[in-house]
Each structure stands twice: as C-alpha cells, then as structure tokens.
Amino acid sequence: MAESKKDKKQDPALMKPLQPSNGLAAIVGSSPLPRTEVVSKVWEYIKANNLQNPVNKREILADDKLRPAFGGKDKVSMFEMNKHFAQHLS
C-alpha cells in the first residue's frame, strides 16, 4: 500500500542544521539552520528587496549582499540558486 503524504516523514538530511558561510550569513544569520530554513529566509530577502526579474520571474537579480552567495554572479535562475547555497553550507 502506498504511503500518503501525511504518513511520510521529512528527510532528516534536509532538517540537519548547517553552518552558513559568511557570505550567506549576511542574509540568513550566522546560526546553523536546516536547508529548508535557509531557502525560506533567502526567499523572504528576495521578495522584501524586490530582486526577482520583473520580465522573467524565474531569474533572481543579485544585490551586493546576495552576490557572494551566488558565486559572484549578477543573476541566477531560481533552480540554480540551491546549487549555489550548497557551496555555502557546512
């Protein structure tokens, strides 16, 4: 019998608190956080600072605080964003 969504447990790897790098800590804080919380806080920052490209909502435009977390790029796709965060979490 297939598991319902309610019965499924969250992946413990996603819930493990990770230490953000200094570049990412400028946005999410310096305390260890689960990946899900990091992504959530970055999205809050993106929306609060209007950093989604108005023409292409899938593109995130980096400001001076976000650029280090994006490997120095001025813009990344929302799909590429998590790949960059992986390099800033340990």
PDB file of N, CA and C in Angstrom:
ATOM      1  N   MET A   1       0.841  -1.183   0.000  1.00  0.00           N
ATOM      2  CA  MET A   1       0.000   0.000   0.000  1.00  0.00           C
ATOM      3  C   MET A   1       0.886   1.247   0.000  1.00  0.00           C
ATOM      4  N   ALA A   2       0.574   2.219  -0.828  1.00  0.00           N
ATOM      5  CA  ALA A   2       1.366   3.446  -0.945  1.00  0.00           C
ATOM      6  C   ALA A   2       1.170   4.327   0.292  1.00  0.00           C
ATOM      7  N   GLU A   3       2.259   5.006   0.678  1.00  0.00           N
ATOM      8  CA  GLU A   3       2.183   5.911   1.828  1.00  0.00           C
ATOM      9  C   GLU A   3       1.474   7.198   1.417  1.00  0.00           C
ATOM     10  N   SER A   4       0.631   7.700   2.284  1.00  0.00           N
ATOM     11  CA  SER A   4       0.038   9.003   1.998  1.00  0.00           C
ATOM     12  C   SER A   4       1.043  10.077   2.397  1.00  0.00           C
ATOM     13  N   LYS A   5       0.829  11.303   1.928  1.00  0.00           N
ATOM     14  CA  LYS A   5       1.754  12.392   2.259  1.00  0.00           C
ATOM     15  C   LYS A   5       1.831  12.604   3.759  1.00  0.00           C
ATOM     16  N   LYS A   6       0.715  12.401   4.445  1.00  0.00           N
ATOM     17  CA  LYS A   6       0.663  12.618   5.888  1.00  0.00           C
ATOM     18  C   LYS A   6       1.566  11.610   6.614  1.00  0.00           C
ATOM     19  N   ASP A   7       1.642  10.377   6.079  1.00  0.00           N
ATOM     20  CA  ASP A   7       2.437   9.329   6.718  1.00  0.00           C
ATOM     21  C   ASP A   7       3.929   9.460   6.446  1.00  0.00           C
ATOM     22  N   LYS A   8       4.294  10.170   5.387  1.00  0.00           N
ATOM     23  CA  LYS A   8       5.696  10.315   5.012  1.00  0.00           C
ATOM     24  C   LYS A   8       6.450  11.173   6.018  1.00  0.00           C
ATOM     25  N   LYS A   9       7.626  10.732   6.396  1.00  0.00           N
ATOM     26  CA  LYS A   9       8.475  11.515   7.293  1.00  0.00           C
ATOM     27  C   LYS A   9       9.347  12.433   6.449  1.00  0.00           C
ATOM     28  N   GLN A  10       9.693  13.619   7.001  1.00  0.00           N
ATOM     29  CA  GLN A  10      10.595  14.510   6.272  1.00  0.00           C
ATOM     30  C   GLN A  10      11.988  13.894   6.262  1.00  0.00           C
ATOM     31  N   ASP A  11      12.722  14.181   5.202  1.00  0.00           N
ATOM     32  CA  ASP A  11      14.077  13.675   5.059  1.00  0.00           C
ATOM     33  C   ASP A  11      14.963  14.299   6.140  1.00  0.00           C
ATOM     34  N   PRO A  12      15.539  13.470   7.019  1.00  0.00           N
ATOM     35  CA  PRO A  12      16.360  14.028   8.104  1.00  0.00           C
ATOM     36  C   PRO A  12      17.565  14.830   7.602  1.00  0.00           C
ATOM     37  N   ALA A  13      18.061  14.515   6.409  1.00  0.00           N
ATOM     38  CA  ALA A  13      19.201  15.259   5.859  1.00  0.00           C
ATOM     39  C   ALA A  13      18.808  16.711   5.592  1.00  0.00           C
ATOM     40  N   LEU A  14      17.562  16.939   5.204  1.00  0.00           N
ATOM     41  CA  LEU A  14      17.111  18.300   4.942  1.00  0.00           C
ATOM     42  C   LEU A  14      16.900  19.086   6.228  1.00  0.00           C
ATOM     43  N   MET A  15      16.688  18.383   7.328  1.00  0.00           N
ATOM     44  CA  MET A  15      16.406  19.053   8.594  1.00  0.00           C
ATOM     45  C   MET A  15      17.662  19.265   9.449  1.00  0.00           C
ATOM     46  N   LYS A  16      18.790  18.707   9.007  1.00  0.00           N
ATOM     47  CA  LYS A  16      20.042  18.843   9.764  1.00  0.00           C
ATOM     48  C   LYS A  16      20.525  20.296   9.699  1.00  0.00           C
ATOM     49  N   PRO A  17      20.736  20.935  10.862  1.00  0.00           N
ATOM     50  CA  PRO A  17      21.244  22.315  10.846  1.00  0.00           C
ATOM     51  C   PRO A  17      22.649  22.387  10.249  1.00  0.00           C
ATOM     52  N   LEU A  18      22.855  23.312   9.336  1.00  0.00           N
ATOM     53  CA  LEU A  18      24.146  23.510   8.681  1.00  0.00           C
ATOM     54  C   LEU A  18      24.616  24.936   8.931  1.00  0.00           C
ATOM     55  N   GLN A  19      25.926  25.103   9.007  1.00  0.00           N
ATOM     56  CA  GLN A  19      26.523  26.412   9.270  1.00  0.00           C
ATOM     57  C   GLN A  19      26.673  27.188   7.964  1.00  0.00           C
ATOM     58  N   PRO A  20      26.021  28.365   7.852  1.00  0.00           N
ATOM     59  CA  PRO A  20      26.190  29.168   6.639  1.00  0.00           C
ATOM     60  C   PRO A  20      27.560  29.852   6.598  1.00  0.00           C
ATOM     61  N   SER A  21      28.097  30.033   5.396  1.00  0.00           N
ATOM     62  CA  SER A  21      29.348  30.770   5.218  1.00  0.00           C
ATOM     63  C   SER A  21      29.097  32.236   5.567  1.00  0.00           C
ATOM     64  N   ASN A  22      30.145  33.025   5.669  1.00  0.00           N
ATOM     65  CA  ASN A  22      29.993  34.456   5.962  1.00  0.00           C
ATOM     66  C   ASN A  22      29.154  35.161   4.896  1.00  0.00           C
ATOM     67  N   GLY A  23      29.342  34.781   3.630  1.00  0.00           N
ATOM     68  CA  GLY A  23      28.590  35.398   2.541  1.00  0.00           C
ATOM     69  C   GLY A  23      27.091  35.144   2.654  1.00  0.00           C
ATOM     70  N   LEU A  24      26.724  33.935   3.009  1.00  0.00           N
ATOM     71  CA  LEU A  24      25.312  33.587   3.149  1.00  0.00           C
ATOM     72  C   LEU A  24      24.764  34.075   4.486  1.00  0.00           C
ATOM     73  N   ALA A  25      25.602  34.112   5.510  1.00  0.00           N
ATOM     74  CA  ALA A  25      25.172  34.564   6.842  1.00  0.00           C
ATOM     75  C   ALA A  25      24.713  36.020   6.828  1.00  0.00           C
ATOM     76  N   ALA A  26      25.195  36.811   5.876  1.00  0.00           N
ATOM     77  CA  ALA A  26      24.767  38.209   5.768  1.00  0.00           C
ATOM     78  C   ALA A  26      23.262  38.292   5.499  1.00  0.00           C
ATOM     79  N   ILE A  27      22.689  37.228   4.965  1.00  0.00           N
ATOM     80  CA  ILE A  27      21.263  37.201   4.638  1.00  0.00           C
ATOM     81  C   ILE A  27      20.457  36.380   5.640  1.00  0.00           C
ATOM     82  N   VAL A  28      20.970  35.204   6.011  1.00  0.00           N
ATOM     83  CA  VAL A  28      20.183  34.280   6.845  1.00  0.00           C
ATOM     84  C   VAL A  28      20.586  34.276   8.317  1.00  0.00           C
ATOM     85  N   GLY A  29      21.654  34.989   8.665  1.00  0.00           N
ATOM     86  CA  GLY A  29      22.142  34.965  10.045  1.00  0.00           C
ATOM     87  C   GLY A  29      23.253  33.949  10.192  1.00  0.00           C
ATOM     88  N   SER A  30      23.978  34.018  11.296  1.00  0.00           N
ATOM     89  CA  SER A  30      25.171  33.173  11.453  1.00  0.00           C
ATOM     90  C   SER A  30      24.912  31.875  12.205  1.00  0.00           C
ATOM     91  N   SER A  31      23.695  31.651  12.692  1.00  0.00           N
ATOM     92  CA  SER A  31      23.381  30.410  13.406  1.00  0.00           C
ATOM     93  C   SER A  31      23.146  29.267  12.426  1.00  0.00           C
ATOM     94  N   PRO A  32      23.494  28.039  12.827  1.00  0.00           N
ATOM     95  CA  PRO A  32      23.204  26.881  11.970  1.00  0.00           C
ATOM     96  C   PRO A  32      21.698  26.744  11.722  1.00  0.00           C
ATOM     97  N   LEU A  33      21.340  26.444  10.475  1.00  0.00           N
ATOM     98  CA  LEU A  33      19.936  26.316  10.062  1.00  0.00           C
ATOM     99  C   LEU A  33      19.763  25.119   9.140  1.00  0.00           C
ATOM    100  N   PRO A  34      18.575  24.487   9.145  1.00  0.00           N
ATOM    101  CA  PRO A  34      18.296  23.451   8.141  1.00  0.00           C
ATOM    102  C   PRO A  34      18.210  24.098   6.752  1.00  0.00           C
ATOM    103  N   ARG A  35      18.499  23.332   5.711  1.00  0.00           N
ATOM    104  CA  ARG A  35      18.444  23.847   4.334  1.00  0.00           C
ATOM    105  C   ARG A  35      17.098  24.503   4.026  1.00  0.00           C
ATOM    106  N   THR A  36      16.031  23.875   4.494  1.00  0.00           N
ATOM    107  CA  THR A  36      14.696  24.404   4.213  1.00  0.00           C
ATOM    108  C   THR A  36      14.541  25.814   4.767  1.00  0.00           C
ATOM    109  N   GLU A  37      15.097  26.052   5.939  1.00  0.00           N
ATOM    110  CA  GLU A  37      15.017  27.370   6.580  1.00  0.00           C
ATOM    111  C   GLU A  37      15.887  28.381   5.830  1.00  0.00           C
ATOM    112  N   VAL A  38      17.053  27.942   5.352  1.00  0.00           N
ATOM    113  CA  VAL A  38      17.947  28.821   4.582  1.00  0.00           C
ATOM    114  C   VAL A  38      17.220  29.306   3.330  1.00  0.00           C
ATOM    115  N   VAL A  39      16.636  28.376   2.591  1.00  0.00           N
ATOM    116  CA  VAL A  39      15.923  28.735   1.356  1.00  0.00           C
ATOM    117  C   VAL A  39      14.766  29.674   1.670  1.00  0.00           C
ATOM    118  N   SER A  40      14.033  29.391   2.734  1.00  0.00           N
ATOM    119  CA  SER A  40      12.910  30.232   3.125  1.00  0.00           C
ATOM    120  C   SER A  40      13.354  31.664   3.451  1.00  0.00           C
ATOM    121  N   LYS A  41      14.444  31.791   4.207  1.00  0.00           N
ATOM    122  CA  LYS A  41      14.951  33.117   4.586  1.00  0.00           C
ATOM    123  C   LYS A  41      15.476  33.885   3.368  1.00  0.00           C
ATOM    124  N   VAL A  42      16.121  33.182   2.454  1.00  0.00           N
ATOM    125  CA  VAL A  42      16.625  33.843   1.246  1.00  0.00           C
ATOM    126  C   VAL A  42      15.445  34.341   0.405  1.00  0.00           C
ATOM    127  N   TRP A  43      14.384  33.535   0.298  1.00  0.00           N
ATOM    128  CA  TRP A  43      13.202  33.977  -0.458  1.00  0.00           C
ATOM    129  C   TRP A  43      12.563  35.191   0.203  1.00  0.00           C
ATOM    130  N   GLU A  44      12.522  35.228   1.525  1.00  0.00           N
ATOM    131  CA  GLU A  44      11.999  36.405   2.232  1.00  0.00           C
ATOM    132  C   GLU A  44      12.816  37.638   1.837  1.00  0.00           C
ATOM    133  N   TYR A  45      14.149  37.475   1.813  1.00  0.00           N
ATOM    134  CA  TYR A  45      15.049  38.573   1.456  1.00  0.00           C
ATOM    135  C   TYR A  45      14.818  39.019   0.001  1.00  0.00           C
ATOM    136  N   ILE A  46      14.696  38.041  -0.901  1.00  0.00           N
ATOM    137  CA  ILE A  46      14.489  38.343  -2.325  1.00  0.00           C
ATOM    138  C   ILE A  46      13.198  39.139  -2.507  1.00  0.00           C
ATOM    139  N   LYS A  47      12.128  38.689  -1.873  1.00  0.00           N
ATOM    140  CA  LYS A  47      10.831  39.371  -2.017  1.00  0.00           C
ATOM    141  C   LYS A  47      10.837  40.739  -1.353  1.00  0.00           C
ATOM    142  N   ALA A  48      11.455  40.843  -0.162  1.00  0.00           N
ATOM    143  CA  ALA A  48      11.499  42.121   0.558  1.00  0.00           C
ATOM    144  C   ALA A  48      12.284  43.178  -0.216  1.00  0.00           C
ATOM    145  N   ASN A  49      13.292  42.721  -0.988  1.00  0.00           N
ATOM    146  CA  ASN A  49      14.141  43.653  -1.727  1.00  0.00           C
ATOM    147  C   ASN A  49      13.833  43.685  -3.224  1.00  0.00           C
ATOM    148  N   ASN A  50      12.719  43.058  -3.613  1.00  0.00           N
ATOM    149  CA  ASN A  50      12.262  43.085  -4.999  1.00  0.00           C
ATOM    150  C   ASN A  50      13.369  42.650  -5.974  1.00  0.00           C
ATOM    151  N   LEU A  51      13.944  41.479  -5.733  1.00  0.00           N
ATOM    152  CA  LEU A  51      15.078  41.013  -6.535  1.00  0.00           C
ATOM    153  C   LEU A  51      14.711  39.982  -7.607  1.00  0.00           C
ATOM    154  N   GLN A  52      13.413  39.733  -7.807  1.00  0.00           N
ATOM    155  CA  GLN A  52      13.014  38.873  -8.921  1.00  0.00           C
ATOM    156  C   GLN A  52      12.942  39.736 -10.173  1.00  0.00           C
ATOM    157  N   ASN A  53      13.474  39.210 -11.268  1.00  0.00           N
ATOM    158  CA  ASN A  53      13.409  39.924 -12.542  1.00  0.00           C
ATOM    159  C   ASN A  53      11.937  40.078 -12.925  1.00  0.00           C
ATOM    160  N   PRO A  54      11.438  41.321 -13.092  1.00  0.00           N
ATOM    161  CA  PRO A  54      10.024  41.505 -13.416  1.00  0.00           C
ATOM    162  C   PRO A  54       9.628  40.910 -14.770  1.00  0.00           C
ATOM    163  N   VAL A  55      10.583  40.802 -15.685  1.00  0.00           N
ATOM    164  CA  VAL A  55      10.303  40.245 -17.016  1.00  0.00           C
ATOM    165  C   VAL A  55      10.303  38.715 -16.981  1.00  0.00           C
ATOM    166  N   ASN A  56      11.224  38.125 -16.204  1.00  0.00           N
ATOM    167  CA  ASN A  56      11.338  36.673 -16.080  1.00  0.00           C
ATOM    168  C   ASN A  56      11.413  36.336 -14.596  1.00  0.00           C
ATOM    169  N   LYS A  57      10.290  35.981 -13.992  1.00  0.00           N
ATOM    170  CA  LYS A  57      10.196  35.753 -12.540  1.00  0.00           C
ATOM    171  C   LYS A  57      11.080  34.601 -12.061  1.00  0.00           C
ATOM    172  N   ARG A  58      11.551  33.759 -12.974  1.00  0.00           N
ATOM    173  CA  ARG A  58      12.429  32.650 -12.580  1.00  0.00           C
ATOM    174  C   ARG A  58      13.866  33.112 -12.341  1.00  0.00           C
ATOM    175  N   GLU A  59      14.165  34.344 -12.704  1.00  0.00           N
ATOM    176  CA  GLU A  59      15.509  34.895 -12.534  1.00  0.00           C
ATOM    177  C   GLU A  59      15.586  35.731 -11.257  1.00  0.00           C
ATOM    178  N   ILE A  60      16.637  35.500 -10.490  1.00  0.00           N
ATOM    179  CA  ILE A  60      16.883  36.280  -9.281  1.00  0.00           C
ATOM    180  C   ILE A  60      18.049  37.217  -9.575  1.00  0.00           C
ATOM    181  N   LEU A  61      17.847  38.506  -9.331  1.00  0.00           N
ATOM    182  CA  LEU A  61      18.880  39.515  -9.566  1.00  0.00           C
ATOM    183  C   LEU A  61      19.619  39.745  -8.250  1.00  0.00           C
ATOM    184  N   ALA A  62      20.916  39.548  -8.249  1.00  0.00           N
ATOM    185  CA  ALA A  62      21.704  39.657  -7.020  1.00  0.00           C
ATOM    186  C   ALA A  62      22.026  41.107  -6.702  1.00  0.00           C
ATOM    187  N   ASP A  63      21.877  41.470  -5.432  1.00  0.00           N
ATOM    188  CA  ASP A  63      22.365  42.762  -4.963  1.00  0.00           C
ATOM    189  C   ASP A  63      23.719  42.505  -4.290  1.00  0.00           C
ATOM    190  N   ASP A  64      24.307  43.521  -3.683  1.00  0.00           N
ATOM    191  CA  ASP A  64      25.641  43.366  -3.098  1.00  0.00           C
ATOM    192  C   ASP A  64      25.685  42.309  -1.985  1.00  0.00           C
ATOM    193  N   LYS A  65      24.588  42.162  -1.244  1.00  0.00           N
ATOM    194  CA  LYS A  65      24.544  41.180  -0.156  1.00  0.00           C
ATOM    195  C   LYS A  65      24.380  39.757  -0.686  1.00  0.00           C
ATOM    196  N   LEU A  66      23.628  39.594  -1.758  1.00  0.00           N
ATOM    197  CA  LEU A  66      23.319  38.269  -2.296  1.00  0.00           C
ATOM    198  C   LEU A  66      24.385  37.743  -3.256  1.00  0.00           C
ATOM    199  N   ARG A  67      25.112  38.658  -3.905  1.00  0.00           N
ATOM    200  CA  ARG A  67      26.114  38.267  -4.912  1.00  0.00           C
ATOM    201  C   ARG A  67      27.138  37.253  -4.397  1.00  0.00           C
ATOM    202  N   PRO A  68      27.709  37.413  -3.169  1.00  0.00           N
ATOM    203  CA  PRO A  68      28.673  36.404  -2.702  1.00  0.00           C
ATOM    204  C   PRO A  68      28.064  35.003  -2.590  1.00  0.00           C
ATOM    205  N   ALA A  69      26.800  34.911  -2.210  1.00  0.00           N
ATOM    206  CA  ALA A  69      26.137  33.610  -2.095  1.00  0.00           C
ATOM    207  C   ALA A  69      25.873  32.993  -3.468  1.00  0.00           C
ATOM    208  N   PHE A  70      25.858  33.814  -4.519  1.00  0.00           N
ATOM    209  CA  PHE A  70      25.637  33.339  -5.882  1.00  0.00           C
ATOM    210  C   PHE A  70      26.947  33.192  -6.653  1.00  0.00           C
ATOM    211  N   GLY A  71      28.050  33.071  -5.947  1.00  0.00           N
ATOM    212  CA  GLY A  71      29.333  32.875  -6.597  1.00  0.00           C
ATOM    213  C   GLY A  71      29.772  34.068  -7.434  1.00  0.00           C
ATOM    214  N   GLY A  72      29.341  35.272  -7.047  1.00  0.00           N
ATOM    215  CA  GLY A  72      29.729  36.485  -7.747  1.00  0.00           C
ATOM    216  C   GLY A  72      28.867  36.825  -8.952  1.00  0.00           C
ATOM    217  N   LYS A  73      27.880  35.972  -9.264  1.00  0.00           N
ATOM    218  CA  LYS A  73      27.022  36.221 -10.433  1.00  0.00           C
ATOM    219  C   LYS A  73      26.023  37.333 -10.132  1.00  0.00           C
ATOM    220  N   ASP A  74      25.648  38.079 -11.170  1.00  0.00           N
ATOM    221  CA  ASP A  74      24.660  39.150 -11.035  1.00  0.00           C
ATOM    222  C   ASP A  74      23.230  38.634 -11.067  1.00  0.00           C
ATOM    223  N   LYS A  75      23.043  37.463 -11.697  1.00  0.00           N
ATOM    224  CA  LYS A  75      21.710  36.863 -11.714  1.00  0.00           C
ATOM    225  C   LYS A  75      21.833  35.355 -11.844  1.00  0.00           C
ATOM    226  N   VAL A  76      20.882  34.645 -11.228  1.00  0.00           N
ATOM    227  CA  VAL A  76      20.821  33.184 -11.335  1.00  0.00           C
ATOM    228  C   VAL A  76      19.345  32.798 -11.470  1.00  0.00           C
ATOM    229  N   SER A  77      19.120  31.606 -12.009  1.00  0.00           N
ATOM    230  CA  SER A  77      17.740  31.118 -12.075  1.00  0.00           C
ATOM    231  C   SER A  77      17.380  30.567 -10.701  1.00  0.00           C
ATOM    232  N   MET A  78      16.101  30.527 -10.394  1.00  0.00           N
ATOM    233  CA  MET A  78      15.694  30.017  -9.088  1.00  0.00           C
ATOM    234  C   MET A  78      16.067  28.541  -8.933  1.00  0.00           C
ATOM    235  N   PHE A  79      16.242  27.830 -10.038  1.00  0.00           N
ATOM    236  CA  PHE A  79      16.617  26.421  -9.986  1.00  0.00           C
ATOM    237  C   PHE A  79      18.107  26.268  -9.669  1.00  0.00           C
ATOM    238  N   GLU A  80      18.900  27.209 -10.122  1.00  0.00           N
ATOM    239  CA  GLU A  80      20.347  27.221  -9.929  1.00  0.00           C
ATOM    240  C   GLU A  80      20.710  27.681  -8.503  1.00  0.00           C
ATOM    241  N   MET A  81      19.804  28.405  -7.880  1.00  0.00           N
ATOM    242  CA  MET A  81      20.052  29.033  -6.582  1.00  0.00           C
ATOM    243  C   MET A  81      20.480  28.018  -5.510  1.00  0.00           C
ATOM    244  N   ASN A  82      19.774  26.899  -5.396  1.00  0.00           N
ATOM    245  CA  ASN A  82      20.098  25.907  -4.364  1.00  0.00           C
ATOM    246  C   ASN A  82      21.480  25.299  -4.565  1.00  0.00           C
ATOM    247  N   LYS A  83      21.902  25.170  -5.818  1.00  0.00           N
ATOM    248  CA  LYS A  83      23.241  24.650  -6.111  1.00  0.00           C
ATOM    249  C   LYS A  83      24.296  25.584  -5.511  1.00  0.00           C
ATOM    250  N   HIS A  84      24.062  26.884  -5.616  1.00  0.00           N
ATOM    251  CA  HIS A  84      24.996  27.852  -5.045  1.00  0.00           C
ATOM    252  C   HIS A  84      24.991  27.795  -3.523  1.00  0.00           C
ATOM    253  N   PHE A  85      23.819  27.610  -2.922  1.00  0.00           N
ATOM    254  CA  PHE A  85      23.744  27.552  -1.457  1.00  0.00           C
ATOM    255  C   PHE A  85      24.515  26.343  -0.916  1.00  0.00           C
ATOM    256  N   ALA A  86      24.525  25.242  -1.641  1.00  0.00           N
ATOM    257  CA  ALA A  86      25.216  24.035  -1.187  1.00  0.00           C
ATOM    258  C   ALA A  86      26.702  24.321  -0.920  1.00  0.00           C
ATOM    259  N   GLN A  87      27.275  25.234  -1.682  1.00  0.00           N
ATOM    260  CA  GLN A  87      28.692  25.580  -1.503  1.00  0.00           C
ATOM    261  C   GLN A  87      28.917  26.479  -0.289  1.00  0.00           C
ATOM    262  N   HIS A  88      27.826  27.005   0.283  1.00  0.00           N
ATOM    263  CA  HIS A  88      27.932  27.930   1.408  1.00  0.00           C
ATOM    264  C   HIS A  88      27.415  27.353   2.715  1.00  0.00           C
ATOM    265  N   LEU A  89      27.117  26.041   2.724  1.00  0.00           N
ATOM    266  CA  LEU A  89      26.622  25.389   3.925  1.00  0.00           C
ATOM    267  C   LEU A  89      27.517  24.218   4.293  1.00  0.00           C
ATOM    268  N   SER A  90      27.880  24.149   5.568  1.00  0.00           N
ATOM    269  CA  SER A  90      28.729  23.018   6.004  1.00  0.00           C
ATOM    270  C   SER A  90      28.272  22.489   7.337  1.00  0.00           C
TER     271      SER A  90
END
